Amino acid sequence: MPLDAGGPVTVAALKSDEVQIALMFSTDPSIEANGFIPLLDDQHLQDAENITPVIRTEKLNDEVRRPLDAVSARLSSDTVTELVGKVVIEGQDAAAVATAFLAANGLL
């Protein structure tokens, strides 16, 4: 059965018991919202997918580096899961969620 890399087709297939296991992003709020149980990858079959800001070298300077580093320092996996959940599950506007996060962390 073709799935969609942890998207709504994958979630629906898990919920309907059409599949019993699927690959999803660890920060996907659908995991907790649906009571899915994350499995430990003790065989290291899936590489870690860390959040990493990427910018062109010629655009990087201290004015850009400082805010990127400040945001990165506050983005844990739990925080990202919470923020994505506000957008994906609660239907909040992504820009508003991002702005609220920045404001709450003194980054504006």
PDB file of N, CA and C in Angstrom:
ATOM      1  N   MET A   1       0.842  -1.179   0.000  1.00  0.00           N
ATOM      2  CA  MET A   1       0.000   0.000   0.000  1.00  0.00           C
ATOM      3  C   MET A   1       0.884   1.239   0.000  1.00  0.00           C
ATOM      4  N   PRO A   2       0.700   2.147  -0.953  1.00  0.00           N
ATOM      5  CA  PRO A   2       1.487   3.381  -0.944  1.00  0.00           C
ATOM      6  C   PRO A   2       1.022   4.323   0.161  1.00  0.00           C
ATOM      7  N   LEU A   3       1.989   4.871   0.869  1.00  0.00           N
ATOM      8  CA  LEU A   3       1.687   5.845   1.914  1.00  0.00           C
ATOM      9  C   LEU A   3       2.294   7.183   1.517  1.00  0.00           C
ATOM     10  N   ASP A   4       2.203   8.153   2.380  1.00  0.00           N
ATOM     11  CA  ASP A   4       2.631   9.504   2.035  1.00  0.00           C
ATOM     12  C   ASP A   4       3.625  10.081   3.034  1.00  0.00           C
ATOM     13  N   ALA A   5       4.625   9.345   3.381  1.00  0.00           N
ATOM     14  CA  ALA A   5       5.700   9.807   4.274  1.00  0.00           C
ATOM     15  C   ALA A   5       5.163  10.443   5.550  1.00  0.00           C
ATOM     16  N   GLY A   6       4.295   9.733   6.229  1.00  0.00           N
ATOM     17  CA  GLY A   6       3.801  10.201   7.517  1.00  0.00           C
ATOM     18  C   GLY A   6       2.682  11.211   7.439  1.00  0.00           C
ATOM     19  N   GLY A   7       2.113  11.415   6.275  1.00  0.00           N
ATOM     20  CA  GLY A   7       1.035  12.377   6.103  1.00  0.00           C
ATOM     21  C   GLY A   7      -0.330  11.789   6.430  1.00  0.00           C
ATOM     22  N   PRO A   8      -1.395  12.432   5.965  1.00  0.00           N
ATOM     23  CA  PRO A   8      -2.753  12.002   6.308  1.00  0.00           C
ATOM     24  C   PRO A   8      -3.112  10.603   5.824  1.00  0.00           C
ATOM     25  N   VAL A   9      -2.552  10.156   4.713  1.00  0.00           N
ATOM     26  CA  VAL A   9      -2.830   8.793   4.232  1.00  0.00           C
ATOM     27  C   VAL A   9      -2.230   7.776   5.206  1.00  0.00           C
ATOM     28  N   THR A  10      -1.028   8.046   5.652  1.00  0.00           N
ATOM     29  CA  THR A  10      -0.363   7.169   6.617  1.00  0.00           C
ATOM     30  C   THR A  10      -1.141   7.135   7.928  1.00  0.00           C
ATOM     31  N   VAL A  11      -1.531   8.297   8.424  1.00  0.00           N
ATOM     32  CA  VAL A  11      -2.281   8.379   9.681  1.00  0.00           C
ATOM     33  C   VAL A  11      -3.599   7.621   9.563  1.00  0.00           C
ATOM     34  N   ALA A  12      -4.303   7.808   8.450  1.00  0.00           N
ATOM     35  CA  ALA A  12      -5.584   7.117   8.247  1.00  0.00           C
ATOM     36  C   ALA A  12      -5.385   5.609   8.182  1.00  0.00           C
ATOM     37  N   ALA A  13      -4.325   5.164   7.535  1.00  0.00           N
ATOM     38  CA  ALA A  13      -4.055   3.725   7.435  1.00  0.00           C
ATOM     39  C   ALA A  13      -3.747   3.127   8.804  1.00  0.00           C
ATOM     40  N   LEU A  14      -3.022   3.850   9.635  1.00  0.00           N
ATOM     41  CA  LEU A  14      -2.746   3.379  10.992  1.00  0.00           C
ATOM     42  C   LEU A  14      -4.029   3.346  11.830  1.00  0.00           C
ATOM     43  N   LYS A  15      -4.820   4.407  11.721  1.00  0.00           N
ATOM     44  CA  LYS A  15      -6.054   4.488  12.516  1.00  0.00           C
ATOM     45  C   LYS A  15      -7.043   3.394  12.141  1.00  0.00           C
ATOM     46  N   SER A  16      -7.097   3.034  10.859  1.00  0.00           N
ATOM     47  CA  SER A  16      -8.054   2.013  10.399  1.00  0.00           C
ATOM     48  C   SER A  16      -7.501   0.598  10.524  1.00  0.00           C
ATOM     49  N   ASP A  17      -6.273   0.484  11.005  1.00  0.00           N
ATOM     50  CA  ASP A  17      -5.596  -0.808  11.160  1.00  0.00           C
ATOM     51  C   ASP A  17      -5.286  -1.463   9.811  1.00  0.00           C
ATOM     52  N   GLU A  18      -5.274  -0.640   8.744  1.00  0.00           N
ATOM     53  CA  GLU A  18      -4.878  -1.156   7.430  1.00  0.00           C
ATOM     54  C   GLU A  18      -3.392  -1.490   7.417  1.00  0.00           C
ATOM     55  N   VAL A  19      -2.622  -0.702   8.190  1.00  0.00           N
ATOM     56  CA  VAL A  19      -1.212  -1.000   8.437  1.00  0.00           C
ATOM     57  C   VAL A  19      -1.001  -0.948   9.945  1.00  0.00           C
ATOM     58  N   GLN A  20      -0.020  -1.646  10.433  1.00  0.00           N
ATOM     59  CA  GLN A  20       0.238  -1.677  11.869  1.00  0.00           C
ATOM     60  C   GLN A  20       1.501  -0.914  12.255  1.00  0.00           C
ATOM     61  N   ILE A  21       2.287  -0.557  11.279  1.00  0.00           N
ATOM     62  CA  ILE A  21       3.515   0.189  11.542  1.00  0.00           C
ATOM     63  C   ILE A  21       3.796   1.095  10.350  1.00  0.00           C
ATOM     64  N   ALA A  22       4.300   2.279  10.629  1.00  0.00           N
ATOM     65  CA  ALA A  22       4.610   3.227   9.556  1.00  0.00           C
ATOM     66  C   ALA A  22       5.728   4.150  10.021  1.00  0.00           C
ATOM     67  N   LEU A  23       6.402   4.732   9.073  1.00  0.00           N
ATOM     68  CA  LEU A  23       7.458   5.691   9.362  1.00  0.00           C
ATOM     69  C   LEU A  23       6.846   7.084   9.424  1.00  0.00           C
ATOM     70  N   MET A  24       7.047   7.757  10.567  1.00  0.00           N
ATOM     71  CA  MET A  24       6.535   9.108  10.752  1.00  0.00           C
ATOM     72  C   MET A  24       7.631   9.970  11.366  1.00  0.00           C
ATOM     73  N   PHE A  25       7.499  11.272  11.228  1.00  0.00           N
ATOM     74  CA  PHE A  25       8.446  12.181  11.860  1.00  0.00           C
ATOM     75  C   PHE A  25       8.174  12.212  13.356  1.00  0.00           C
ATOM     76  N   SER A  26       9.211  12.199  14.168  1.00  0.00           N
ATOM     77  CA  SER A  26       9.026  12.146  15.623  1.00  0.00           C
ATOM     78  C   SER A  26       8.327  13.391  16.168  1.00  0.00           C
ATOM     79  N   THR A  27       8.335  14.483  15.412  1.00  0.00           N
ATOM     80  CA  THR A  27       7.671  15.708  15.852  1.00  0.00           C
ATOM     81  C   THR A  27       6.241  15.814  15.326  1.00  0.00           C
ATOM     82  N   ASP A  28       5.724  14.758  14.707  1.00  0.00           N
ATOM     83  CA  ASP A  28       4.361  14.785  14.172  1.00  0.00           C
ATOM     84  C   ASP A  28       3.353  14.734  15.313  1.00  0.00           C
ATOM     85  N   PRO A  29       2.522  15.771  15.463  1.00  0.00           N
ATOM     86  CA  PRO A  29       1.550  15.784  16.559  1.00  0.00           C
ATOM     87  C   PRO A  29       0.479  14.710  16.428  1.00  0.00           C
ATOM     88  N   SER A  30       0.359  14.093  15.256  1.00  0.00           N
ATOM     89  CA  SER A  30      -0.618  13.013  15.066  1.00  0.00           C
ATOM     90  C   SER A  30      -0.284  11.794  15.914  1.00  0.00           C
ATOM     91  N   ILE A  31       0.964  11.635  16.270  1.00  0.00           N
ATOM     92  CA  ILE A  31       1.378  10.480  17.070  1.00  0.00           C
ATOM     93  C   ILE A  31       0.672  10.507  18.415  1.00  0.00           C
ATOM     94  N   GLU A  32       0.825  11.604  19.140  1.00  0.00           N
ATOM     95  CA  GLU A  32       0.183  11.716  20.448  1.00  0.00           C
ATOM     96  C   GLU A  32      -1.330  11.848  20.319  1.00  0.00           C
ATOM     97  N   ALA A  33      -1.785  12.631  19.335  1.00  0.00           N
ATOM     98  CA  ALA A  33      -3.221  12.881  19.176  1.00  0.00           C
ATOM     99  C   ALA A  33      -4.008  11.597  18.917  1.00  0.00           C
ATOM    100  N   ASN A  34      -3.370  10.610  18.293  1.00  0.00           N
ATOM    101  CA  ASN A  34      -4.054   9.360  17.962  1.00  0.00           C
ATOM    102  C   ASN A  34      -3.656   8.191  18.858  1.00  0.00           C
ATOM    103  N   GLY A  35      -2.825   8.459  19.835  1.00  0.00           N
ATOM    104  CA  GLY A  35      -2.407   7.394  20.736  1.00  0.00           C
ATOM    105  C   GLY A  35      -1.472   6.385  20.095  1.00  0.00           C
ATOM    106  N   PHE A  36      -0.790   6.791  19.026  1.00  0.00           N
ATOM    107  CA  PHE A  36       0.190   5.903  18.399  1.00  0.00           C
ATOM    108  C   PHE A  36       1.384   5.748  19.340  1.00  0.00           C
ATOM    109  N   ILE A  37       2.038   4.628  19.259  1.00  0.00           N
ATOM    110  CA  ILE A  37       3.169   4.349  20.140  1.00  0.00           C
ATOM    111  C   ILE A  37       4.464   4.387  19.327  1.00  0.00           C
ATOM    112  N   PRO A  38       5.331   5.363  19.602  1.00  0.00           N
ATOM    113  CA  PRO A  38       6.620   5.392  18.903  1.00  0.00           C
ATOM    114  C   PRO A  38       7.467   4.179  19.290  1.00  0.00           C
ATOM    115  N   LEU A  39       8.080   3.587  18.314  1.00  0.00           N
ATOM    116  CA  LEU A  39       8.947   2.428  18.553  1.00  0.00           C
ATOM    117  C   LEU A  39      10.403   2.876  18.580  1.00  0.00           C
ATOM    118  N   LEU A  40      11.193   2.220  19.379  1.00  0.00           N
ATOM    119  CA  LEU A  40      12.614   2.508  19.473  1.00  0.00           C
ATOM    120  C   LEU A  40      13.330   1.891  18.272  1.00  0.00           C
ATOM    121  N   ASP A  41      14.122   2.679  17.599  1.00  0.00           N
ATOM    122  CA  ASP A  41      14.892   2.207  16.450  1.00  0.00           C
ATOM    123  C   ASP A  41      16.243   1.689  16.945  1.00  0.00           C
ATOM    124  N   ASP A  42      16.211   0.558  17.639  1.00  0.00           N
ATOM    125  CA  ASP A  42      17.438   0.021  18.236  1.00  0.00           C
ATOM    126  C   ASP A  42      18.415  -0.545  17.204  1.00  0.00           C
ATOM    127  N   GLN A  43      17.972  -0.685  15.965  1.00  0.00           N
ATOM    128  CA  GLN A  43      18.857  -1.153  14.894  1.00  0.00           C
ATOM    129  C   GLN A  43      19.388   0.021  14.056  1.00  0.00           C
ATOM    130  N   HIS A  44      18.981   1.246  14.417  1.00  0.00           N
ATOM    131  CA  HIS A  44      19.434   2.464  13.739  1.00  0.00           C
ATOM    132  C   HIS A  44      19.189   2.398  12.228  1.00  0.00           C
ATOM    133  N   LEU A  45      17.963   2.015  11.868  1.00  0.00           N
ATOM    134  CA  LEU A  45      17.596   1.912  10.462  1.00  0.00           C
ATOM    135  C   LEU A  45      17.252   3.261   9.845  1.00  0.00           C
ATOM    136  N   GLN A  46      16.838   4.209  10.675  1.00  0.00           N
ATOM    137  CA  GLN A  46      16.461   5.536  10.201  1.00  0.00           C
ATOM    138  C   GLN A  46      17.410   6.559  10.805  1.00  0.00           C
ATOM    139  N   ASP A  47      18.064   7.336   9.960  1.00  0.00           N
ATOM    140  CA  ASP A  47      18.962   8.374  10.462  1.00  0.00           C
ATOM    141  C   ASP A  47      18.164   9.447  11.192  1.00  0.00           C
ATOM    142  N   ALA A  48      18.810  10.089  12.143  1.00  0.00           N
ATOM    143  CA  ALA A  48      18.195  11.215  12.846  1.00  0.00           C
ATOM    144  C   ALA A  48      17.958  12.348  11.851  1.00  0.00           C
ATOM    145  N   GLU A  49      16.848  13.015  12.011  1.00  0.00           N
ATOM    146  CA  GLU A  49      16.511  14.134  11.137  1.00  0.00           C
ATOM    147  C   GLU A  49      16.412  15.386  11.996  1.00  0.00           C
ATOM    148  N   ASN A  50      17.570  15.942  12.303  1.00  0.00           N
ATOM    149  CA  ASN A  50      17.630  17.109  13.163  1.00  0.00           C
ATOM    150  C   ASN A  50      17.235  18.365  12.393  1.00  0.00           C
ATOM    151  N   ILE A  51      16.629  19.301  13.109  1.00  0.00           N
ATOM    152  CA  ILE A  51      16.260  20.571  12.509  1.00  0.00           C
ATOM    153  C   ILE A  51      17.521  21.408  12.384  1.00  0.00           C
ATOM    154  N   THR A  52      17.806  21.837  11.165  1.00  0.00           N
ATOM    155  CA  THR A  52      19.024  22.591  10.911  1.00  0.00           C
ATOM    156  C   THR A  52      18.715  23.771   9.995  1.00  0.00           C
ATOM    157  N   PRO A  53      18.993  24.989  10.455  1.00  0.00           N
ATOM    158  CA  PRO A  53      18.799  26.132   9.549  1.00  0.00           C
ATOM    159  C   PRO A  53      19.838  26.074   8.432  1.00  0.00           C
ATOM    160  N   VAL A  54      19.408  26.400   7.239  1.00  0.00           N
ATOM    161  CA  VAL A  54      20.299  26.376   6.079  1.00  0.00           C
ATOM    162  C   VAL A  54      20.204  27.730   5.387  1.00  0.00           C
ATOM    163  N   ILE A  55      21.366  28.280   5.045  1.00  0.00           N
ATOM    164  CA  ILE A  55      21.413  29.596   4.405  1.00  0.00           C
ATOM    165  C   ILE A  55      22.594  29.616   3.445  1.00  0.00           C
ATOM    166  N   ARG A  56      22.476  30.401   2.389  1.00  0.00           N
ATOM    167  CA  ARG A  56      23.600  30.562   1.460  1.00  0.00           C
ATOM    168  C   ARG A  56      24.762  31.259   2.175  1.00  0.00           C
ATOM    169  N   THR A  57      25.946  30.790   1.935  1.00  0.00           N
ATOM    170  CA  THR A  57      27.137  31.336   2.584  1.00  0.00           C
ATOM    171  C   THR A  57      27.245  32.843   2.381  1.00  0.00           C
ATOM    172  N   GLU A  58      26.967  33.309   1.175  1.00  0.00           N
ATOM    173  CA  GLU A  58      27.123  34.741   0.888  1.00  0.00           C
ATOM    174  C   GLU A  58      26.081  35.611   1.606  1.00  0.00           C
ATOM    175  N   LYS A  59      25.025  35.003   2.132  1.00  0.00           N
ATOM    176  CA  LYS A  59      23.996  35.753   2.868  1.00  0.00           C
ATOM    177  C   LYS A  59      24.218  35.725   4.380  1.00  0.00           C
ATOM    178  N   LEU A  60      25.110  34.862   4.832  1.00  0.00           N
ATOM    179  CA  LEU A  60      25.328  34.704   6.267  1.00  0.00           C
ATOM    180  C   LEU A  60      26.263  35.782   6.810  1.00  0.00           C
ATOM    181  N   ASN A  61      25.781  36.468   7.839  1.00  0.00           N
ATOM    182  CA  ASN A  61      26.585  37.446   8.556  1.00  0.00           C
ATOM    183  C   ASN A  61      26.085  37.445  10.001  1.00  0.00           C
ATOM    184  N   ASP A  62      26.702  38.234  10.855  1.00  0.00           N
ATOM    185  CA  ASP A  62      26.315  38.238  12.270  1.00  0.00           C
ATOM    186  C   ASP A  62      24.876  38.692  12.471  1.00  0.00           C
ATOM    187  N   GLU A  63      24.400  39.593  11.629  1.00  0.00           N
ATOM    188  CA  GLU A  63      23.022  40.077  11.750  1.00  0.00           C
ATOM    189  C   GLU A  63      22.021  38.944  11.524  1.00  0.00           C
ATOM    190  N   VAL A  64      22.358  38.010  10.675  1.00  0.00           N
ATOM    191  CA  VAL A  64      21.493  36.865  10.381  1.00  0.00           C
ATOM    192  C   VAL A  64      21.806  35.706  11.330  1.00  0.00           C
ATOM    193  N   ARG A  65      23.077  35.477  11.592  1.00  0.00           N
ATOM    194  CA  ARG A  65      23.489  34.346  12.420  1.00  0.00           C
ATOM    195  C   ARG A  65      22.914  34.412  13.836  1.00  0.00           C
ATOM    196  N   ARG A  66      22.959  35.579  14.465  1.00  0.00           N
ATOM    197  CA  ARG A  66      22.480  35.704  15.852  1.00  0.00           C
ATOM    198  C   ARG A  66      21.019  35.292  16.017  1.00  0.00           C
ATOM    199  N   PRO A  67      20.094  35.827  15.209  1.00  0.00           N
ATOM    200  CA  PRO A  67      18.695  35.403  15.395  1.00  0.00           C
ATOM    201  C   PRO A  67      18.467  33.936  15.035  1.00  0.00           C
ATOM    202  N   LEU A  68      19.153  33.428  14.020  1.00  0.00           N
ATOM    203  CA  LEU A  68      19.004  32.000  13.678  1.00  0.00           C
ATOM    204  C   LEU A  68      19.469  31.125  14.834  1.00  0.00           C
ATOM    205  N   ASP A  69      20.608  31.466  15.415  1.00  0.00           N
ATOM    206  CA  ASP A  69      21.117  30.698  16.552  1.00  0.00           C
ATOM    207  C   ASP A  69      20.174  30.791  17.751  1.00  0.00           C
ATOM    208  N   ALA A  70      19.600  31.977  17.976  1.00  0.00           N
ATOM    209  CA  ALA A  70      18.683  32.159  19.108  1.00  0.00           C
ATOM    210  C   ALA A  70      17.420  31.318  18.937  1.00  0.00           C
ATOM    211  N   VAL A  71      16.866  31.292  17.728  1.00  0.00           N
ATOM    212  CA  VAL A  71      15.678  30.470  17.465  1.00  0.00           C
ATOM    213  C   VAL A  71      16.040  28.995  17.597  1.00  0.00           C
ATOM    214  N   SER A  72      17.136  28.581  16.994  1.00  0.00           N
ATOM    215  CA  SER A  72      17.562  27.181  17.051  1.00  0.00           C
ATOM    216  C   SER A  72      17.742  26.695  18.486  1.00  0.00           C
ATOM    217  N   ALA A  73      18.273  27.565  19.341  1.00  0.00           N
ATOM    218  CA  ALA A  73      18.520  27.190  20.733  1.00  0.00           C
ATOM    219  C   ALA A  73      17.225  26.902  21.483  1.00  0.00           C
ATOM    220  N   ARG A  74      16.118  27.436  21.000  1.00  0.00           N
ATOM    221  CA  ARG A  74      14.835  27.262  21.700  1.00  0.00           C
ATOM    222  C   ARG A  74      13.930  26.224  21.050  1.00  0.00           C
ATOM    223  N   LEU A  75      14.363  25.606  19.961  1.00  0.00           N
ATOM    224  CA  LEU A  75      13.525  24.639  19.255  1.00  0.00           C
ATOM    225  C   LEU A  75      13.899  23.196  19.613  1.00  0.00           C
ATOM    226  N   SER A  76      13.335  22.699  20.682  1.00  0.00           N
ATOM    227  CA  SER A  76      13.498  21.283  21.022  1.00  0.00           C
ATOM    228  C   SER A  76      12.482  20.481  20.211  1.00  0.00           C
ATOM    229  N   SER A  77      12.618  19.177  20.198  1.00  0.00           N
ATOM    230  CA  SER A  77      11.644  18.322  19.506  1.00  0.00           C
ATOM    231  C   SER A  77      10.247  18.505  20.094  1.00  0.00           C
ATOM    232  N   ASP A  78      10.160  18.613  21.428  1.00  0.00           N
ATOM    233  CA  ASP A  78       8.850  18.815  22.064  1.00  0.00           C
ATOM    234  C   ASP A  78       8.229  20.142  21.648  1.00  0.00           C
ATOM    235  N   THR A  79       9.044  21.178  21.558  1.00  0.00           N
ATOM    236  CA  THR A  79       8.538  22.489  21.154  1.00  0.00           C
ATOM    237  C   THR A  79       8.034  22.456  19.712  1.00  0.00           C
ATOM    238  N   VAL A  80       8.801  21.838  18.831  1.00  0.00           N
ATOM    239  CA  VAL A  80       8.393  21.737  17.429  1.00  0.00           C
ATOM    240  C   VAL A  80       7.089  20.940  17.322  1.00  0.00           C
ATOM    241  N   THR A  81       6.985  19.853  18.061  1.00  0.00           N
ATOM    242  CA  THR A  81       5.755  19.059  18.045  1.00  0.00           C
ATOM    243  C   THR A  81       4.564  19.901  18.478  1.00  0.00           C
ATOM    244  N   GLU A  82       4.739  20.678  19.531  1.00  0.00           N
ATOM    245  CA  GLU A  82       3.665  21.543  20.022  1.00  0.00           C
ATOM    246  C   GLU A  82       3.281  22.591  18.977  1.00  0.00           C
ATOM    247  N   LEU A  83       4.267  23.244  18.368  1.00  0.00           N
ATOM    248  CA  LEU A  83       3.992  24.276  17.374  1.00  0.00           C
ATOM    249  C   LEU A  83       3.311  23.698  16.135  1.00  0.00           C
ATOM    250  N   VAL A  84       3.798  22.565  15.662  1.00  0.00           N
ATOM    251  CA  VAL A  84       3.181  21.919  14.494  1.00  0.00           C
ATOM    252  C   VAL A  84       1.754  21.500  14.819  1.00  0.00           C
ATOM    253  N   GLY A  85       1.523  21.021  16.028  1.00  0.00           N
ATOM    254  CA  GLY A  85       0.177  20.629  16.446  1.00  0.00           C
ATOM    255  C   GLY A  85      -0.791  21.793  16.412  1.00  0.00           C
ATOM    256  N   LYS A  86      -0.327  22.975  16.782  1.00  0.00           N
ATOM    257  CA  LYS A  86      -1.199  24.154  16.747  1.00  0.00           C
ATOM    258  C   LYS A  86      -1.656  24.446  15.323  1.00  0.00           C
ATOM    259  N   VAL A  87      -0.784  24.198  14.368  1.00  0.00           N
ATOM    260  CA  VAL A  87      -1.116  24.465  12.968  1.00  0.00           C
ATOM    261  C   VAL A  87      -1.903  23.304  12.360  1.00  0.00           C
ATOM    262  N   VAL A  88      -1.375  22.081  12.485  1.00  0.00           N
ATOM    263  CA  VAL A  88      -1.951  20.924  11.811  1.00  0.00           C
ATOM    264  C   VAL A  88      -3.235  20.428  12.481  1.00  0.00           C
ATOM    265  N   ILE A  89      -3.229  20.340  13.791  1.00  0.00           N
ATOM    266  CA  ILE A  89      -4.377  19.775  14.498  1.00  0.00           C
ATOM    267  C   ILE A  89      -5.401  20.852  14.868  1.00  0.00           C
ATOM    268  N   GLU A  90      -4.918  21.979  15.405  1.00  0.00           N
ATOM    269  CA  GLU A  90      -5.836  23.030  15.851  1.00  0.00           C
ATOM    270  C   GLU A  90      -6.238  23.987  14.733  1.00  0.00           C
ATOM    271  N   GLY A  91      -5.524  23.957  13.603  1.00  0.00           N
ATOM    272  CA  GLY A  91      -5.867  24.804  12.468  1.00  0.00           C
ATOM    273  C   GLY A  91      -5.469  26.259  12.597  1.00  0.00           C
ATOM    274  N   GLN A  92      -4.537  26.555  13.507  1.00  0.00           N
ATOM    275  CA  GLN A  92      -4.085  27.935  13.667  1.00  0.00           C
ATOM    276  C   GLN A  92      -3.204  28.339  12.480  1.00  0.00           C
ATOM    277  N   ASP A  93      -3.144  29.633  12.237  1.00  0.00           N
ATOM    278  CA  ASP A  93      -2.328  30.177  11.164  1.00  0.00           C
ATOM    279  C   ASP A  93      -0.839  30.002  11.504  1.00  0.00           C
ATOM    280  N   ALA A  94      -0.065  29.453  10.565  1.00  0.00           N
ATOM    281  CA  ALA A  94       1.353  29.174  10.807  1.00  0.00           C
ATOM    282  C   ALA A  94       2.140  30.431  11.159  1.00  0.00           C
ATOM    283  N   ALA A  95       1.885  31.525  10.449  1.00  0.00           N
ATOM    284  CA  ALA A  95       2.611  32.768  10.732  1.00  0.00           C
ATOM    285  C   ALA A  95       2.279  33.286  12.130  1.00  0.00           C
ATOM    286  N   ALA A  96       1.029  33.152  12.535  1.00  0.00           N
ATOM    287  CA  ALA A  96       0.623  33.602  13.874  1.00  0.00           C
ATOM    288  C   ALA A  96       1.268  32.738  14.958  1.00  0.00           C
ATOM    289  N   VAL A  97       1.337  31.444  14.729  1.00  0.00           N
ATOM    290  CA  VAL A  97       1.973  30.533  15.685  1.00  0.00           C
ATOM    291  C   VAL A  97       3.457  30.871  15.801  1.00  0.00           C
ATOM    292  N   ALA A  98       4.109  31.082  14.673  1.00  0.00           N
ATOM    293  CA  ALA A  98       5.534  31.430  14.685  1.00  0.00           C
ATOM    294  C   ALA A  98       5.769  32.755  15.398  1.00  0.00           C
ATOM    295  N   THR A  99       4.950  33.736  15.099  1.00  0.00           N
ATOM    296  CA  THR A  99       5.089  35.047  15.737  1.00  0.00           C
ATOM    297  C   THR A  99       4.896  34.949  17.245  1.00  0.00           C
ATOM    298  N   ALA A 100       3.897  34.185  17.676  1.00  0.00           N
ATOM    299  CA  ALA A 100       3.651  34.007  19.112  1.00  0.00           C
ATOM    300  C   ALA A 100       4.834  33.316  19.784  1.00  0.00           C
ATOM    301  N   PHE A 101       5.414  32.312  19.116  1.00  0.00           N
ATOM    302  CA  PHE A 101       6.588  31.618  19.657  1.00  0.00           C
ATOM    303  C   PHE A 101       7.756  32.595  19.812  1.00  0.00           C
ATOM    304  N   LEU A 102       8.005  33.377  18.778  1.00  0.00           N
ATOM    305  CA  LEU A 102       9.104  34.344  18.823  1.00  0.00           C
ATOM    306  C   LEU A 102       8.892  35.370  19.923  1.00  0.00           C
ATOM    307  N   ALA A 103       7.666  35.863  20.034  1.00  0.00           N
ATOM    308  CA  ALA A 103       7.350  36.862  21.066  1.00  0.00           C
ATOM    309  C   ALA A 103       7.503  36.266  22.464  1.00  0.00           C
ATOM    310  N   ALA A 104       6.993  35.059  22.674  1.00  0.00           N
ATOM    311  CA  ALA A 104       7.065  34.416  23.985  1.00  0.00           C
ATOM    312  C   ALA A 104       8.502  34.142  24.416  1.00  0.00           C
ATOM    313  N   ASN A 105       9.389  34.024  23.451  1.00  0.00           N
ATOM    314  CA  ASN A 105      10.795  33.735  23.746  1.00  0.00           C
ATOM    315  C   ASN A 105      11.692  34.954  23.624  1.00  0.00           C
ATOM    316  N   GLY A 106      11.079  36.141  23.546  1.00  0.00           N
ATOM    317  CA  GLY A 106      11.859  37.368  23.484  1.00  0.00           C
ATOM    318  C   GLY A 106      12.706  37.500  22.243  1.00  0.00           C
ATOM    319  N   LEU A 107      12.234  36.950  21.126  1.00  0.00           N
ATOM    320  CA  LEU A 107      13.033  36.941  19.905  1.00  0.00           C
ATOM    321  C   LEU A 107      12.556  37.937  18.854  1.00  0.00           C
ATOM    322  N   LEU A 108      11.589  38.767  19.224  1.00  0.00           N
ATOM    323  CA  LEU A 108      11.120  39.788  18.272  1.00  0.00           C
ATOM    324  C   LEU A 108      11.712  41.139  18.613  1.00  0.00           C
TER     325      LEU A 108
END
